[in-house]
């Protein structure tokens, strides 16, 4: 079976929170829910998968590709909805798409 999402020993350390050595696998054809208390790391996991946060260690692959090295190809295949509007209301859809494909922390667009 094809692996869609794979996290191996992923760690992200913040000042007051640490996602420590997380591993998970999601195979094609299955649905996964992240359930836990506020502050458990659900949003951090999603942000790491989407490369909105940089992991401190470990590996994240989507569709068999490294989520950092193949970010453009991966993001073209994924759709997700934030829990609130995070984009300026004045932007047209094509500009929002361009923003999503930019890595503002490194000043590059992919």
Protein backbone atom coordinates (compact mmCIF):
# COMPACT_ATOMS: atom_id res chain seq x y z
CA UNK A 1 0.00 0.00 0.00
CA UNK A 2 1.15 3.58 -0.67
CA UNK A 3 2.18 5.75 2.26
CA UNK A 4 0.67 9.24 2.10
CA UNK A 5 2.05 10.73 5.34
CA UNK A 6 5.03 9.48 7.28
CA UNK A 7 6.66 11.11 10.29
CA UNK A 8 9.68 9.40 11.82
CA UNK A 9 11.07 10.50 15.18
CA UNK A 10 10.06 14.15 14.65
CA UNK A 11 10.94 16.64 17.36
CA UNK A 12 10.06 20.33 17.64
CA UNK A 13 11.16 22.17 20.76
CA UNK A 14 9.58 25.47 21.79
CA UNK A 15 10.35 27.37 24.96
CA UNK A 16 7.31 26.00 26.84
CA UNK A 17 6.40 22.94 24.77
CA UNK A 18 8.15 20.03 23.12
CA UNK A 19 6.80 17.65 20.51
CA UNK A 20 9.16 14.79 21.22
CA UNK A 21 10.06 11.87 18.95
CA UNK A 22 6.69 11.58 17.17
CA UNK A 23 6.22 8.87 14.55
CA UNK A 24 3.09 8.13 12.54
CA UNK A 25 2.11 6.65 9.20
CA UNK A 26 -1.01 7.22 7.12
CA UNK A 27 -1.62 4.83 4.24
CA UNK A 28 -3.57 5.68 1.08
CA UNK A 29 -7.31 5.05 1.51
CA UNK A 30 -7.39 5.73 5.24
CA UNK A 31 -8.45 8.73 7.29
CA UNK A 32 -6.69 9.86 10.44
CA UNK A 33 -7.88 12.22 13.13
CA UNK A 34 -5.65 14.00 15.62
CA UNK A 35 -7.38 14.02 18.99
CA UNK A 36 -6.06 15.51 22.19
CA UNK A 37 -6.31 18.26 24.75
CA UNK A 38 -5.48 21.86 23.93
CA UNK A 39 -1.71 22.17 23.80
CA UNK A 40 -1.12 18.48 23.03
CA UNK A 41 0.59 19.22 19.70
CA UNK A 42 -2.12 18.62 17.08
CA UNK A 43 -1.65 21.97 15.32
CA UNK A 44 2.12 21.68 15.59
CA UNK A 45 1.98 18.31 13.80
CA UNK A 46 -0.13 19.76 10.99
CA UNK A 47 2.15 22.80 10.64
CA UNK A 48 5.20 20.54 10.53
CA UNK A 49 3.60 18.32 7.88
CA UNK A 50 2.73 21.39 5.78
CA UNK A 51 6.24 22.82 6.30
CA UNK A 52 4.86 25.90 8.03
CA UNK A 53 7.20 25.07 10.92
CA UNK A 54 10.68 23.61 10.62
CA UNK A 55 11.29 20.42 12.56
CA UNK A 56 14.30 20.22 14.87
CA UNK A 57 14.96 16.58 14.00
CA UNK A 58 13.40 13.57 12.34
CA UNK A 59 11.91 13.03 8.89
CA UNK A 60 8.59 13.96 7.30
CA UNK A 61 7.56 12.49 3.95
CA UNK A 62 4.36 13.03 2.01
CA UNK A 63 3.57 10.87 -1.01
CA UNK A 64 7.05 9.39 -0.56
CA UNK A 65 8.76 12.80 -0.86
CA UNK A 66 10.61 14.86 1.73
CA UNK A 67 8.26 17.68 2.79
CA UNK A 68 11.00 20.32 2.60
CA UNK A 69 12.83 19.23 -0.56
CA UNK A 70 9.61 18.70 -2.54
CA UNK A 71 7.39 21.34 -0.98
CA UNK A 72 6.05 22.69 -4.28
CA UNK A 73 4.99 19.29 -5.66
CA UNK A 74 3.45 18.29 -2.33
CA UNK A 75 1.47 21.49 -1.79
CA UNK A 76 -0.01 21.20 -5.27
CA UNK A 77 -1.52 17.85 -4.19
CA UNK A 78 -2.86 18.83 -0.75
CA UNK A 79 -5.85 20.85 0.31
CA UNK A 80 -6.51 21.83 3.90
CA UNK A 81 -8.67 24.37 5.68
CA UNK A 82 -7.48 26.55 8.53
CA UNK A 83 -9.84 26.88 11.49
CA UNK A 84 -10.10 30.62 10.80
CA UNK A 85 -9.32 33.03 7.96
CA UNK A 86 -5.60 33.73 8.03
CA UNK A 87 -5.39 35.67 4.75
CA UNK A 88 -5.99 39.38 4.20
CA UNK A 89 -9.53 39.95 2.91
CA UNK A 90 -8.30 42.19 0.09
CA UNK A 91 -6.25 39.43 -1.64
CA UNK A 92 -7.63 37.66 -4.70
CA UNK A 93 -7.47 33.87 -4.82
CA UNK A 94 -4.50 33.82 -7.22
CA UNK A 95 -2.48 36.03 -4.83
CA UNK A 96 -3.38 33.83 -1.86
CA UNK A 97 -2.09 30.83 -3.85
CA UNK A 98 1.16 32.66 -4.53
CA UNK A 99 1.56 33.45 -0.82
CA UNK A 100 1.05 29.81 0.14
CA UNK A 101 3.86 28.73 -2.19
CA UNK A 102 6.30 31.28 -0.74
CA UNK A 103 8.68 30.53 2.09
CA UNK A 104 8.77 33.96 3.69
CA UNK A 105 11.26 32.87 6.33
CA UNK A 106 13.82 32.26 3.56
CA UNK A 107 12.60 34.90 1.11
CA UNK A 108 11.91 32.43 -1.69
CA UNK A 109 8.87 31.47 -3.70
CA UNK A 110 8.56 28.00 -5.14
